[in-house]
Amino acid sequence: DRKDSCDKEKIMNLTLMCESNNGEACNDLVVKYVKGDGVKQNLSKAFEYAKKACNLNSIDGCEWYMSMIEQSGNKEWIVTLIPPVREKFASLKKTERIVLN
């Protein structure tokens, strides 16, 4: 019961941080919902958090979002969503390299 309580608190904190536009917290929620780590696995929630994380400039969030779009098999999404997400991902990676140098 103690672990469940801790997991619920972590999820609640991450959710509040994500709602406050913290992209990394949104990305952490993606991982939790994909793996079912501390929450019931829910790929729909993971997808929404990945989208938000990417919109908040999380490189990992964009990577998850692209992967989930591709795995969906939805041809319309793949054609319309992947190109702008790839472009954003590339831009974030370029910015990251500049910052690290």
N, C-alpha and C. Protein backbone atom coordinates (compact mmCIF):
# COMPACT_ATOMS: atom_id res chain seq x y z
N ASP A 1 0.82 -1.20 0.00
CA ASP A 1 0.00 0.00 0.00
C ASP A 1 0.87 1.27 0.00
N ARG A 2 2.00 1.20 0.68
CA ARG A 2 2.87 2.37 0.75
C ARG A 2 3.40 2.73 -0.64
N LYS A 3 3.78 1.70 -1.44
CA LYS A 3 4.28 1.94 -2.80
C LYS A 3 3.18 2.56 -3.66
N ASP A 4 1.95 2.03 -3.55
CA ASP A 4 0.83 2.58 -4.31
C ASP A 4 0.61 4.04 -3.96
N SER A 5 0.71 4.37 -2.70
CA SER A 5 0.53 5.74 -2.24
C SER A 5 1.61 6.65 -2.82
N CYS A 6 2.85 6.15 -2.81
CA CYS A 6 3.97 6.90 -3.38
C CYS A 6 3.78 7.10 -4.88
N ASP A 7 3.38 6.03 -5.57
CA ASP A 7 3.16 6.11 -7.02
C ASP A 7 2.08 7.13 -7.34
N LYS A 8 0.99 7.09 -6.59
CA LYS A 8 -0.11 8.04 -6.83
C LYS A 8 0.35 9.47 -6.62
N GLU A 9 1.16 9.68 -5.59
CA GLU A 9 1.67 11.02 -5.33
C GLU A 9 2.60 11.49 -6.46
N LYS A 10 3.45 10.60 -6.93
CA LYS A 10 4.35 10.95 -8.05
C LYS A 10 3.55 11.32 -9.29
N ILE A 11 2.54 10.51 -9.61
CA ILE A 11 1.71 10.77 -10.78
C ILE A 11 0.98 12.09 -10.62
N MET A 12 0.46 12.34 -9.43
CA MET A 12 -0.26 13.60 -9.18
C MET A 12 0.68 14.79 -9.36
N ASN A 13 1.89 14.69 -8.82
CA ASN A 13 2.86 15.78 -8.96
C ASN A 13 3.26 15.99 -10.41
N LEU A 14 3.53 14.91 -11.12
CA LEU A 14 3.88 15.02 -12.53
C LEU A 14 2.74 15.64 -13.34
N THR A 15 1.52 15.24 -13.02
CA THR A 15 0.34 15.78 -13.72
C THR A 15 0.22 17.27 -13.48
N LEU A 16 0.39 17.69 -12.24
CA LEU A 16 0.32 19.13 -11.93
C LEU A 16 1.42 19.90 -12.65
N MET A 17 2.62 19.34 -12.68
CA MET A 17 3.73 20.00 -13.37
C MET A 17 3.47 20.07 -14.87
N CYS A 18 2.95 19.00 -15.44
CA CYS A 18 2.63 18.97 -16.86
C CYS A 18 1.55 20.01 -17.18
N GLU A 19 0.54 20.07 -16.33
CA GLU A 19 -0.52 21.06 -16.53
C GLU A 19 0.01 22.48 -16.40
N SER A 20 1.15 22.63 -15.71
CA SER A 20 1.80 23.94 -15.58
C SER A 20 2.82 24.16 -16.69
N ASN A 21 2.70 23.37 -17.75
CA ASN A 21 3.53 23.50 -18.95
C ASN A 21 4.99 23.12 -18.78
N ASN A 22 5.24 22.08 -17.99
CA ASN A 22 6.57 21.52 -17.85
C ASN A 22 6.66 20.32 -18.80
N GLY A 23 7.36 20.50 -19.92
CA GLY A 23 7.44 19.47 -20.95
C GLY A 23 8.08 18.19 -20.47
N GLU A 24 9.08 18.29 -19.61
CA GLU A 24 9.74 17.08 -19.12
C GLU A 24 8.82 16.27 -18.21
N ALA A 25 7.99 16.95 -17.44
CA ALA A 25 7.01 16.24 -16.61
C ALA A 25 6.00 15.51 -17.50
N CYS A 26 5.58 16.18 -18.58
CA CYS A 26 4.66 15.53 -19.53
C CYS A 26 5.32 14.30 -20.13
N ASN A 27 6.60 14.43 -20.49
CA ASN A 27 7.33 13.29 -21.04
C ASN A 27 7.42 12.15 -20.02
N ASP A 28 7.67 12.47 -18.76
CA ASP A 28 7.72 11.43 -17.73
C ASP A 28 6.38 10.69 -17.63
N LEU A 29 5.29 11.43 -17.82
CA LEU A 29 3.97 10.80 -17.79
C LEU A 29 3.78 9.88 -18.99
N VAL A 30 4.33 10.25 -20.13
CA VAL A 30 4.26 9.37 -21.31
C VAL A 30 4.85 8.01 -20.95
N VAL A 31 6.05 8.04 -20.40
CA VAL A 31 6.74 6.80 -20.06
C VAL A 31 5.92 5.98 -19.06
N LYS A 32 5.40 6.65 -18.05
CA LYS A 32 4.61 5.94 -17.03
C LYS A 32 3.38 5.28 -17.65
N TYR A 33 2.65 6.00 -18.53
CA TYR A 33 1.44 5.44 -19.12
C TYR A 33 1.74 4.40 -20.19
N VAL A 34 2.85 4.50 -20.88
CA VAL A 34 3.22 3.47 -21.86
C VAL A 34 3.57 2.18 -21.14
N LYS A 35 4.35 2.29 -20.07
CA LYS A 35 4.83 1.11 -19.36
C LYS A 35 3.87 0.60 -18.29
N GLY A 36 2.90 1.43 -17.91
CA GLY A 36 2.03 1.04 -16.80
C GLY A 36 2.78 1.10 -15.48
N ASP A 37 3.68 2.06 -15.37
CA ASP A 37 4.54 2.22 -14.18
C ASP A 37 3.87 3.15 -13.18
N GLY A 38 3.23 2.58 -12.18
CA GLY A 38 2.56 3.38 -11.15
C GLY A 38 1.15 3.78 -11.53
N VAL A 39 0.75 3.47 -12.76
CA VAL A 39 -0.59 3.75 -13.26
C VAL A 39 -1.01 2.59 -14.15
N LYS A 40 -2.30 2.53 -14.43
CA LYS A 40 -2.77 1.54 -15.39
C LYS A 40 -2.30 1.98 -16.77
N GLN A 41 -1.75 1.04 -17.53
CA GLN A 41 -1.27 1.37 -18.88
C GLN A 41 -2.42 1.98 -19.68
N ASN A 42 -2.12 3.12 -20.33
CA ASN A 42 -3.14 3.82 -21.10
C ASN A 42 -2.44 4.55 -22.24
N LEU A 43 -2.47 3.95 -23.43
CA LEU A 43 -1.75 4.51 -24.56
C LEU A 43 -2.41 5.78 -25.09
N SER A 44 -3.70 5.93 -24.89
CA SER A 44 -4.37 7.17 -25.31
C SER A 44 -3.87 8.36 -24.48
N LYS A 45 -3.76 8.15 -23.17
CA LYS A 45 -3.21 9.21 -22.31
C LYS A 45 -1.76 9.47 -22.66
N ALA A 46 -1.01 8.41 -22.88
CA ALA A 46 0.40 8.56 -23.24
C ALA A 46 0.54 9.39 -24.51
N PHE A 47 -0.32 9.13 -25.49
CA PHE A 47 -0.29 9.87 -26.74
C PHE A 47 -0.55 11.36 -26.51
N GLU A 48 -1.55 11.66 -25.70
CA GLU A 48 -1.87 13.07 -25.42
C GLU A 48 -0.73 13.77 -24.67
N TYR A 49 -0.13 13.06 -23.73
CA TYR A 49 1.01 13.64 -23.00
C TYR A 49 2.22 13.81 -23.92
N ALA A 50 2.41 12.88 -24.85
CA ALA A 50 3.52 13.00 -25.80
C ALA A 50 3.33 14.23 -26.69
N LYS A 51 2.11 14.42 -27.14
CA LYS A 51 1.79 15.58 -27.97
C LYS A 51 2.07 16.87 -27.20
N LYS A 52 1.61 16.92 -25.95
CA LYS A 52 1.83 18.12 -25.14
C LYS A 52 3.31 18.33 -24.86
N ALA A 53 4.02 17.25 -24.53
CA ALA A 53 5.45 17.36 -24.25
C ALA A 53 6.19 17.92 -25.46
N CYS A 54 5.83 17.42 -26.63
CA CYS A 54 6.47 17.90 -27.86
C CYS A 54 6.14 19.38 -28.07
N ASN A 55 4.88 19.74 -27.88
CA ASN A 55 4.48 21.14 -28.03
C ASN A 55 5.22 22.05 -27.06
N LEU A 56 5.66 21.47 -25.93
CA LEU A 56 6.41 22.23 -24.92
C LEU A 56 7.92 22.08 -25.11
N ASN A 57 8.31 21.63 -26.30
CA ASN A 57 9.73 21.56 -26.69
C ASN A 57 10.55 20.49 -25.98
N SER A 58 9.91 19.40 -25.61
CA SER A 58 10.64 18.26 -25.06
C SER A 58 11.10 17.38 -26.22
N ILE A 59 12.41 17.24 -26.38
CA ILE A 59 12.95 16.40 -27.45
C ILE A 59 12.42 14.97 -27.30
N ASP A 60 12.49 14.44 -26.10
CA ASP A 60 12.01 13.07 -25.87
C ASP A 60 10.52 12.97 -26.14
N GLY A 61 9.78 14.00 -25.76
CA GLY A 61 8.34 14.02 -26.03
C GLY A 61 8.05 13.96 -27.51
N CYS A 62 8.82 14.72 -28.31
CA CYS A 62 8.64 14.68 -29.77
C CYS A 62 8.98 13.31 -30.33
N GLU A 63 10.01 12.70 -29.77
CA GLU A 63 10.40 11.36 -30.23
C GLU A 63 9.29 10.35 -29.94
N TRP A 64 8.73 10.41 -28.74
CA TRP A 64 7.60 9.54 -28.39
C TRP A 64 6.42 9.80 -29.31
N TYR A 65 6.11 11.08 -29.52
CA TYR A 65 4.96 11.46 -30.33
C TYR A 65 5.10 10.91 -31.75
N MET A 66 6.28 11.10 -32.37
CA MET A 66 6.51 10.57 -33.72
C MET A 66 6.34 9.06 -33.75
N SER A 67 6.93 8.40 -32.77
CA SER A 67 6.86 6.95 -32.71
C SER A 67 5.42 6.46 -32.57
N MET A 68 4.66 7.12 -31.74
CA MET A 68 3.27 6.70 -31.51
C MET A 68 2.40 6.97 -32.74
N ILE A 69 2.67 8.07 -33.42
CA ILE A 69 1.93 8.36 -34.66
C ILE A 69 2.23 7.27 -35.68
N GLU A 70 3.51 6.95 -35.85
CA GLU A 70 3.90 5.93 -36.82
C GLU A 70 3.29 4.57 -36.48
N GLN A 71 3.30 4.23 -35.19
CA GLN A 71 2.77 2.93 -34.77
C GLN A 71 1.25 2.86 -34.85
N SER A 72 0.60 4.02 -34.89
CA SER A 72 -0.87 4.03 -34.96
C SER A 72 -1.38 3.42 -36.26
N GLY A 73 -0.56 3.54 -37.32
CA GLY A 73 -1.00 3.05 -38.62
C GLY A 73 -2.01 3.97 -39.30
N ASN A 74 -2.33 5.09 -38.65
CA ASN A 74 -3.29 6.04 -39.22
C ASN A 74 -2.58 6.84 -40.32
N LYS A 75 -2.89 6.50 -41.57
CA LYS A 75 -2.19 7.11 -42.71
C LYS A 75 -2.36 8.62 -42.75
N GLU A 76 -3.53 9.11 -42.41
CA GLU A 76 -3.75 10.57 -42.42
C GLU A 76 -2.85 11.25 -41.40
N TRP A 77 -2.75 10.69 -40.20
CA TRP A 77 -1.87 11.25 -39.17
C TRP A 77 -0.43 11.22 -39.64
N ILE A 78 -0.03 10.09 -40.21
CA ILE A 78 1.36 9.93 -40.63
C ILE A 78 1.71 10.99 -41.67
N VAL A 79 0.82 11.22 -42.61
CA VAL A 79 1.08 12.20 -43.67
C VAL A 79 1.03 13.63 -43.14
N THR A 80 0.06 13.93 -42.27
CA THR A 80 -0.11 15.32 -41.83
C THR A 80 0.68 15.69 -40.58
N LEU A 81 0.87 14.76 -39.68
CA LEU A 81 1.51 15.09 -38.40
C LEU A 81 3.02 14.85 -38.36
N ILE A 82 3.47 13.79 -39.01
CA ILE A 82 4.89 13.44 -38.91
C ILE A 82 5.82 14.54 -39.43
N PRO A 83 5.59 15.10 -40.64
CA PRO A 83 6.54 16.12 -41.13
C PRO A 83 6.77 17.30 -40.19
N PRO A 84 5.71 17.94 -39.64
CA PRO A 84 6.00 19.06 -38.74
C PRO A 84 6.66 18.62 -37.42
N VAL A 85 6.33 17.43 -36.96
CA VAL A 85 6.95 16.94 -35.72
C VAL A 85 8.42 16.63 -35.98
N ARG A 86 8.73 16.03 -37.12
CA ARG A 86 10.14 15.77 -37.47
C ARG A 86 10.92 17.07 -37.56
N GLU A 87 10.30 18.07 -38.17
CA GLU A 87 10.96 19.37 -38.30
C GLU A 87 11.23 19.98 -36.92
N LYS A 88 10.24 19.91 -36.05
CA LYS A 88 10.42 20.44 -34.70
C LYS A 88 11.50 19.66 -33.96
N PHE A 89 11.47 18.34 -34.08
CA PHE A 89 12.46 17.48 -33.43
C PHE A 89 13.87 17.87 -33.90
N ALA A 90 14.04 18.02 -35.20
CA ALA A 90 15.35 18.40 -35.76
C ALA A 90 15.79 19.76 -35.23
N SER A 91 14.85 20.68 -35.14
CA SER A 91 15.17 22.02 -34.63
C SER A 91 15.59 21.97 -33.16
N LEU A 92 14.90 21.15 -32.38
CA LEU A 92 15.24 21.01 -30.96
C LEU A 92 16.61 20.35 -30.81
N LYS A 93 16.90 19.35 -31.64
CA LYS A 93 18.20 18.69 -31.58
C LYS A 93 19.32 19.67 -31.94
N LYS A 94 19.06 20.50 -32.96
CA LYS A 94 20.05 21.49 -33.39
C LYS A 94 20.31 22.49 -32.26
N THR A 95 19.25 22.95 -31.63
CA THR A 95 19.37 23.88 -30.50
C THR A 95 20.14 23.25 -29.36
N GLU A 96 19.86 21.99 -29.10
CA GLU A 96 20.54 21.26 -28.02
C GLU A 96 22.05 21.18 -28.31
N ARG A 97 22.40 20.89 -29.56
CA ARG A 97 23.83 20.82 -29.91
C ARG A 97 24.51 22.17 -29.74
N ILE A 98 23.83 23.24 -30.11
CA ILE A 98 24.41 24.59 -29.96
C ILE A 98 24.62 24.92 -28.50
N VAL A 99 23.64 24.60 -27.67
CA VAL A 99 23.72 24.88 -26.24
C VAL A 99 24.85 24.08 -25.59
N LEU A 100 25.02 22.83 -26.02
CA LEU A 100 26.04 21.97 -25.41
C LEU A 100 27.46 22.36 -25.83
N ASN A 101 27.59 23.01 -26.95
CA ASN A 101 28.93 23.41 -27.43
C ASN A 101 29.42 24.68 -26.82
